[in-house]
Structure formats: structure tokens, C-alpha cells
Amino acid sequence: MVQKEKQVLGPEEMRRALIRIAHEVLERNRGTEGLVFVGLHTRGVPLARRLSRLIQEFEKHEAPVATLDIGLYRDDVPFRSRPLLKPTSVPVAMEGKKVVLVDDVLYTGRSIRAALDAIMDLGRPQVVQLAVLVDRGHRELPIRADYVGKNIPTARTEDVQVRLEEVDGKDEVVLIRREE
């Protein structure tokens, strides 16, 4: 099987998309009061940290960043499978906060459903919003992002891969087509 990659976002387009998302978060939430970013492992964590840094630059006020592992909340892992867990770190109580979940790609919605379950176990936020770098469609659950860096319509035979400097050594989003 041959795979063809096509870059759909480079470093500068990613930076601009995150700046736009940060401004939209500030506008919708009327500032940073009670705002908490929750990054989903793996690539949602550095994206959440980038958004928090941008908001710090704009507002001179920090928005805390939590990291969340949803491995135990997934409904699509085989029964009795032991998922490789990453650390969950929540520096502030979720109770009454404006939580912005951050992930790299929104696809079926199952990761976000798992994240919502995990967050509710940590406390009851005032509101939960969703920010994603890429929305590729094909939802299996009624979940919609509040903030989207780029919509990339895909076929089910295509994959979208986000690469980040912090994890992969470079920033880009590629569309991967599998060909027989």
C-alpha cells in the first residue's frame, strides 16, 4: 500500500490559526476570568500551552493549562486492554470554571466524549468549550467544535496528521492518502 502526503498547513498557517482561536476564546469568554485550557494527550497538550501563552501575550494574564489522559474513558479500546496512560495534571479545580478542551484533530467525536466524562469526574465546570486545530468531519457522535483552526474535508480512506515541534520536531498538518 502506497501513502501520499500533502501538507495542508505549514508552521505559519498553524500559528495564525492558533492566534485566531486565542482571540475567539477571549472574545467569547469576555477575558480570562475563570478560564482553564485542558489539553488532551498527546498533541492537545502543546496546543493548549501555545494558546495559553498567546492569551498571556494579549491579556497579560495567565490561563492555567491542565493535561488530560482519556485512555480509561475510551469506548473504542478492546475489553481488558490496558491502554498506555499518560499523566493527568489539573493545577486548578474544575468546579465553576470555563473549560476549553483542546485537541489536534476532531474526527468521530469519541475522544471528546471520553474527555467530557473525565472532566466531569474532576468537578463540574460552568461551561465546556472545544478548540481543535483541524476538523475533518465524519462525526459518529453529536459533537461540534466551538473553535476550529481549519476544516479539512476528508474521505474515510484519508488521515490527517498533526505534527508539532514539541512532539515531532516540526510544525505541519498533512493529509495522508492511502492508495492500493
C-alpha atoms as a PDB file:
ATOM      1  CA  MET A   1       0.000   0.000   0.000  1.00  0.00           C
ATOM      2  CA  VAL A   2       1.372   3.396  -1.034  1.00  0.00           C
ATOM      3  CA  GLN A   3       0.763   6.503   1.063  1.00  0.00           C
ATOM      4  CA  LYS A   4       0.896  10.004  -0.349  1.00  0.00           C
ATOM      5  CA  GLU A   5       1.319  13.001   1.940  1.00  0.00           C
ATOM      6  CA  LYS A   6       0.203  16.520   1.162  1.00  0.00           C
ATOM      7  CA  GLN A   7       0.932  19.410   3.515  1.00  0.00           C
ATOM      8  CA  VAL A   8      -2.259  21.360   4.183  1.00  0.00           C
ATOM      9  CA  LEU A   9      -0.929  23.658   6.927  1.00  0.00           C
ATOM     10  CA  GLY A  10       2.620  24.845   7.420  1.00  0.00           C
ATOM     11  CA  PRO A  11       4.121  26.468  10.528  1.00  0.00           C
ATOM     12  CA  GLU A  12       2.932  29.992   9.670  1.00  0.00           C
ATOM     13  CA  GLU A  13      -0.647  28.890   8.888  1.00  0.00           C
ATOM     14  CA  MET A  14      -0.741  26.934  12.158  1.00  0.00           C
ATOM     15  CA  ARG A  15       0.494  29.978  14.082  1.00  0.00           C
ATOM     16  CA  ARG A  16      -2.149  32.212  12.509  1.00  0.00           C
ATOM     17  CA  ALA A  17      -4.904  29.667  13.222  1.00  0.00           C
ATOM     18  CA  LEU A  18      -3.885  29.484  16.893  1.00  0.00           C
ATOM     19  CA  ILE A  19      -3.765  33.288  17.178  1.00  0.00           C
ATOM     20  CA  ARG A  20      -7.295  33.463  15.741  1.00  0.00           C
ATOM     21  CA  ILE A  21      -8.538  30.746  18.128  1.00  0.00           C
ATOM     22  CA  ALA A  22      -6.966  32.557  21.106  1.00  0.00           C
ATOM     23  CA  HIS A  23      -8.719  35.812  20.147  1.00  0.00           C
ATOM     24  CA  GLU A  24     -12.037  33.992  19.679  1.00  0.00           C
ATOM     25  CA  VAL A  25     -11.692  32.333  23.110  1.00  0.00           C
ATOM     26  CA  LEU A  26     -11.041  35.711  24.731  1.00  0.00           C
ATOM     27  CA  GLU A  27     -13.963  37.337  22.931  1.00  0.00           C
ATOM     28  CA  ARG A  28     -16.480  34.595  23.735  1.00  0.00           C
ATOM     29  CA  ASN A  29     -15.404  34.351  27.386  1.00  0.00           C
ATOM     30  CA  ARG A  30     -15.007  38.114  27.859  1.00  0.00           C
ATOM     31  CA  GLY A  31     -11.419  37.781  29.054  1.00  0.00           C
ATOM     32  CA  THR A  32      -9.555  35.238  31.127  1.00  0.00           C
ATOM     33  CA  GLU A  33     -11.552  35.170  34.357  1.00  0.00           C
ATOM     34  CA  GLY A  34     -12.151  31.527  35.297  1.00  0.00           C
ATOM     35  CA  LEU A  35     -10.634  30.263  32.030  1.00  0.00           C
ATOM     36  CA  VAL A  36      -8.771  26.919  32.013  1.00  0.00           C
ATOM     37  CA  PHE A  37      -7.307  25.121  28.998  1.00  0.00           C
ATOM     38  CA  VAL A  38      -7.382  21.326  29.120  1.00  0.00           C
ATOM     39  CA  GLY A  39      -5.104  19.668  26.594  1.00  0.00           C
ATOM     40  CA  LEU A  40      -5.756  16.077  25.572  1.00  0.00           C
ATOM     41  CA  HIS A  41      -2.676  13.897  25.323  1.00  0.00           C
ATOM     42  CA  THR A  42      -0.705  13.840  23.148  1.00  0.00           C
ATOM     43  CA  ARG A  43      -0.850  16.807  20.781  1.00  0.00           C
ATOM     44  CA  GLY A  44      -3.660  18.684  22.501  1.00  0.00           C
ATOM     45  CA  VAL A  45      -1.316  19.417  25.416  1.00  0.00           C
ATOM     46  CA  PRO A  46       1.248  21.515  23.491  1.00  0.00           C
ATOM     47  CA  LEU A  47      -1.576  23.196  21.573  1.00  0.00           C
ATOM     48  CA  ALA A  48      -3.254  24.159  24.878  1.00  0.00           C
ATOM     49  CA  ARG A  49       0.064  25.518  26.161  1.00  0.00           C
ATOM     50  CA  ARG A  50       0.508  27.577  22.985  1.00  0.00           C
ATOM     51  CA  LEU A  51      -2.999  29.029  23.327  1.00  0.00           C
ATOM     52  CA  SER A  52      -2.338  29.891  26.970  1.00  0.00           C
ATOM     53  CA  ARG A  53       0.932  31.634  26.037  1.00  0.00           C
ATOM     54  CA  LEU A  54      -0.830  33.630  23.311  1.00  0.00           C
ATOM     55  CA  ILE A  55      -3.513  34.741  25.751  1.00  0.00           C
ATOM     56  CA  GLN A  56      -0.772  35.705  28.226  1.00  0.00           C
ATOM     57  CA  GLU A  57       0.768  37.878  25.486  1.00  0.00           C
ATOM     58  CA  PHE A  58      -2.566  39.521  24.605  1.00  0.00           C
ATOM     59  CA  GLU A  59      -4.063  39.985  28.076  1.00  0.00           C
ATOM     60  CA  LYS A  60      -1.038  39.918  30.421  1.00  0.00           C
ATOM     61  CA  HIS A  61      -2.998  37.363  32.449  1.00  0.00           C
ATOM     62  CA  GLU A  62      -2.275  33.650  32.549  1.00  0.00           C
ATOM     63  CA  ALA A  63      -4.868  30.986  31.771  1.00  0.00           C
ATOM     64  CA  PRO A  64      -3.868  27.729  33.511  1.00  0.00           C
ATOM     65  CA  VAL A  65      -3.315  24.580  31.470  1.00  0.00           C
ATOM     66  CA  ALA A  66      -4.378  21.114  32.598  1.00  0.00           C
ATOM     67  CA  THR A  67      -3.341  17.899  30.858  1.00  0.00           C
ATOM     68  CA  LEU A  68      -5.802  15.066  30.473  1.00  0.00           C
ATOM     69  CA  ASP A  69      -5.369  11.405  29.623  1.00  0.00           C
ATOM     70  CA  ILE A  70      -8.604   9.850  28.406  1.00  0.00           C
ATOM     71  CA  GLY A  71      -7.330   6.278  27.975  1.00  0.00           C
ATOM     72  CA  LEU A  72      -9.541   4.837  30.715  1.00  0.00           C
ATOM     73  CA  TYR A  73     -12.627   6.647  29.375  1.00  0.00           C
ATOM     74  CA  ARG A  74     -12.421   5.482  25.754  1.00  0.00           C
ATOM     75  CA  ASP A  75     -15.261   3.317  24.472  1.00  0.00           C
ATOM     76  CA  ASP A  76     -13.309   2.046  21.495  1.00  0.00           C
ATOM     77  CA  VAL A  77     -10.464   0.166  23.200  1.00  0.00           C
ATOM     78  CA  PRO A  78     -10.739  -3.610  23.367  1.00  0.00           C
ATOM     79  CA  PHE A  79     -12.190  -5.045  26.566  1.00  0.00           C
ATOM     80  CA  ARG A  80      -9.482  -5.864  29.137  1.00  0.00           C
ATOM     81  CA  SER A  81      -6.925  -3.986  27.089  1.00  0.00           C
ATOM     82  CA  ARG A  82      -4.524  -1.921  29.146  1.00  0.00           C
ATOM     83  CA  PRO A  83      -4.083   1.448  27.465  1.00  0.00           C
ATOM     84  CA  LEU A  84      -0.735   3.193  27.891  1.00  0.00           C
ATOM     85  CA  LEU A  85      -1.597   6.013  30.267  1.00  0.00           C
ATOM     86  CA  LYS A  86      -0.018   9.446  30.370  1.00  0.00           C
ATOM     87  CA  PRO A  87      -0.139  11.820  33.336  1.00  0.00           C
ATOM     88  CA  THR A  88      -3.232  13.862  34.053  1.00  0.00           C
ATOM     89  CA  SER A  89      -2.353  17.147  35.725  1.00  0.00           C
ATOM     90  CA  VAL A  90      -5.040  19.555  36.895  1.00  0.00           C
ATOM     91  CA  PRO A  91      -3.487  22.647  38.559  1.00  0.00           C
ATOM     92  CA  VAL A  92      -6.852  24.215  39.458  1.00  0.00           C
ATOM     93  CA  ALA A  93     -10.261  22.899  40.489  1.00  0.00           C
ATOM     94  CA  MET A  94     -12.647  22.496  37.551  1.00  0.00           C
ATOM     95  CA  GLU A  95     -15.675  23.477  39.630  1.00  0.00           C
ATOM     96  CA  GLY A  96     -17.324  26.555  38.104  1.00  0.00           C
ATOM     97  CA  LYS A  97     -14.561  27.162  35.546  1.00  0.00           C
ATOM     98  CA  LYS A  98     -14.791  27.955  31.836  1.00  0.00           C
ATOM     99  CA  VAL A  99     -13.007  24.922  30.410  1.00  0.00           C
ATOM    100  CA  VAL A 100     -11.644  24.913  26.884  1.00  0.00           C
ATOM    101  CA  LEU A 101     -10.816  21.363  25.796  1.00  0.00           C
ATOM    102  CA  VAL A 102      -8.001  21.374  23.244  1.00  0.00           C
ATOM    103  CA  ASP A 103      -7.239  18.595  20.775  1.00  0.00           C
ATOM    104  CA  ASP A 104      -5.426  18.390  17.471  1.00  0.00           C
ATOM    105  CA  VAL A 105      -7.989  16.674  15.201  1.00  0.00           C
ATOM    106  CA  LEU A 106     -11.744  16.284  15.585  1.00  0.00           C
ATOM    107  CA  TYR A 107     -12.945  13.203  13.727  1.00  0.00           C
ATOM    108  CA  THR A 108     -15.602  10.835  15.111  1.00  0.00           C
ATOM    109  CA  GLY A 109     -16.078  12.714  18.400  1.00  0.00           C
ATOM    110  CA  ARG A 110     -15.282   9.693  20.575  1.00  0.00           C
ATOM    111  CA  SER A 111     -12.153  11.232  22.124  1.00  0.00           C
ATOM    112  CA  ILE A 112     -14.106  14.331  23.081  1.00  0.00           C
ATOM    113  CA  ARG A 113     -16.913  12.252  24.608  1.00  0.00           C
ATOM    114  CA  ALA A 114     -14.285  10.448  26.700  1.00  0.00           C
ATOM    115  CA  ALA A 115     -12.730  13.789  27.687  1.00  0.00           C
ATOM    116  CA  LEU A 116     -16.122  15.136  28.817  1.00  0.00           C
ATOM    117  CA  ASP A 117     -16.581  12.087  31.055  1.00  0.00           C
ATOM    118  CA  ALA A 118     -13.095  12.569  32.514  1.00  0.00           C
ATOM    119  CA  ILE A 119     -13.664  16.276  33.172  1.00  0.00           C
ATOM    120  CA  MET A 120     -16.959  15.614  34.955  1.00  0.00           C
ATOM    121  CA  ASP A 121     -15.095  13.243  37.257  1.00  0.00           C
ATOM    122  CA  LEU A 122     -12.806  16.163  38.170  1.00  0.00           C
ATOM    123  CA  GLY A 123     -15.622  18.608  39.013  1.00  0.00           C
ATOM    124  CA  ARG A 124     -18.475  20.436  37.390  1.00  0.00           C
ATOM    125  CA  PRO A 125     -17.325  23.302  35.170  1.00  0.00           C
ATOM    126  CA  GLN A 126     -19.552  26.275  34.388  1.00  0.00           C
ATOM    127  CA  VAL A 127     -19.104  25.604  30.662  1.00  0.00           C
ATOM    128  CA  VAL A 128     -17.031  23.316  28.447  1.00  0.00           C
ATOM    129  CA  GLN A 129     -15.934  24.530  25.025  1.00  0.00           C
ATOM    130  CA  LEU A 130     -13.923  22.692  22.378  1.00  0.00           C
ATOM    131  CA  ALA A 131     -10.968  24.019  20.396  1.00  0.00           C
ATOM    132  CA  VAL A 132      -9.364  21.910  17.661  1.00  0.00           C
ATOM    133  CA  LEU A 133      -6.659  22.688  15.170  1.00  0.00           C
ATOM    134  CA  VAL A 134      -8.354  20.555  12.480  1.00  0.00           C
ATOM    135  CA  ASP A 135     -11.947  19.402  11.979  1.00  0.00           C
ATOM    136  CA  ARG A 136     -12.011  16.625   9.389  1.00  0.00           C
ATOM    137  CA  GLY A 137     -15.681  15.667   9.614  1.00  0.00           C
ATOM    138  CA  HIS A 138     -17.196  12.140   9.794  1.00  0.00           C
ATOM    139  CA  ARG A 139     -18.771  12.526  13.241  1.00  0.00           C
ATOM    140  CA  GLU A 140     -20.234   9.452  14.956  1.00  0.00           C
ATOM    141  CA  LEU A 141     -21.468  11.473  17.929  1.00  0.00           C
ATOM    142  CA  PRO A 142     -23.263  14.842  18.034  1.00  0.00           C
ATOM    143  CA  ILE A 143     -20.162  16.858  18.953  1.00  0.00           C
ATOM    144  CA  ARG A 144     -19.143  20.167  17.375  1.00  0.00           C
ATOM    145  CA  ALA A 145     -16.081  22.323  17.987  1.00  0.00           C
ATOM    146  CA  ASP A 146     -16.528  25.902  19.203  1.00  0.00           C
ATOM    147  CA  TYR A 147     -13.152  26.943  17.774  1.00  0.00           C
ATOM    148  CA  VAL A 148     -11.597  25.422  14.639  1.00  0.00           C
ATOM    149  CA  GLY A 149      -8.245  26.277  13.109  1.00  0.00           C
ATOM    150  CA  LYS A 150      -9.062  24.692   9.747  1.00  0.00           C
ATOM    151  CA  ASN A 151     -11.809  22.498   8.324  1.00  0.00           C
ATOM    152  CA  ILE A 152     -10.326  19.789   6.109  1.00  0.00           C
ATOM    153  CA  PRO A 153     -12.974  17.656   4.409  1.00  0.00           C
ATOM    154  CA  THR A 154     -11.638  14.112   4.097  1.00  0.00           C
ATOM    155  CA  ALA A 155     -12.586  10.711   2.802  1.00  0.00           C
ATOM    156  CA  ARG A 156     -12.609   7.869   5.311  1.00  0.00           C
ATOM    157  CA  THR A 157      -9.610   6.426   3.469  1.00  0.00           C
ATOM    158  CA  GLU A 158      -7.605   9.551   4.279  1.00  0.00           C
ATOM    159  CA  ASP A 159      -5.883  10.508   7.504  1.00  0.00           C
ATOM    160  CA  VAL A 160      -4.964  13.890   8.905  1.00  0.00           C
ATOM    161  CA  GLN A 161      -1.764  14.016  10.878  1.00  0.00           C
ATOM    162  CA  VAL A 162      -0.773  16.993  13.006  1.00  0.00           C
ATOM    163  CA  ARG A 163       2.938  17.309  13.673  1.00  0.00           C
ATOM    164  CA  LEU A 164       4.113  19.682  16.374  1.00  0.00           C
ATOM    165  CA  GLU A 165       7.578  20.983  17.164  1.00  0.00           C
ATOM    166  CA  GLU A 166       7.237  19.873  20.804  1.00  0.00           C
ATOM    167  CA  VAL A 167       6.415  16.257  19.886  1.00  0.00           C
ATOM    168  CA  ASP A 168       7.584  15.645  16.319  1.00  0.00           C
ATOM    169  CA  GLY A 169      10.313  18.221  15.743  1.00  0.00           C
ATOM    170  CA  LYS A 170       8.372  20.327  13.221  1.00  0.00           C
ATOM    171  CA  ASP A 171       5.024  22.083  12.782  1.00  0.00           C
ATOM    172  CA  GLU A 172       2.779  20.953   9.948  1.00  0.00           C
ATOM    173  CA  VAL A 173      -0.546  19.319   9.176  1.00  0.00           C
ATOM    174  CA  VAL A 174      -0.534  16.712   6.433  1.00  0.00           C
ATOM    175  CA  LEU A 175      -3.275  14.855   4.617  1.00  0.00           C
ATOM    176  CA  ILE A 176      -2.315  11.230   4.007  1.00  0.00           C
ATOM    177  CA  ARG A 177      -3.976   9.309   1.188  1.00  0.00           C
ATOM    178  CA  ARG A 178      -3.716   5.534   1.198  1.00  0.00           C
ATOM    179  CA  GLU A 179      -3.560   4.053  -2.282  1.00  0.00           C
ATOM    180  CA  GLU A 180      -3.597   0.390  -3.259  1.00  0.00           C
END
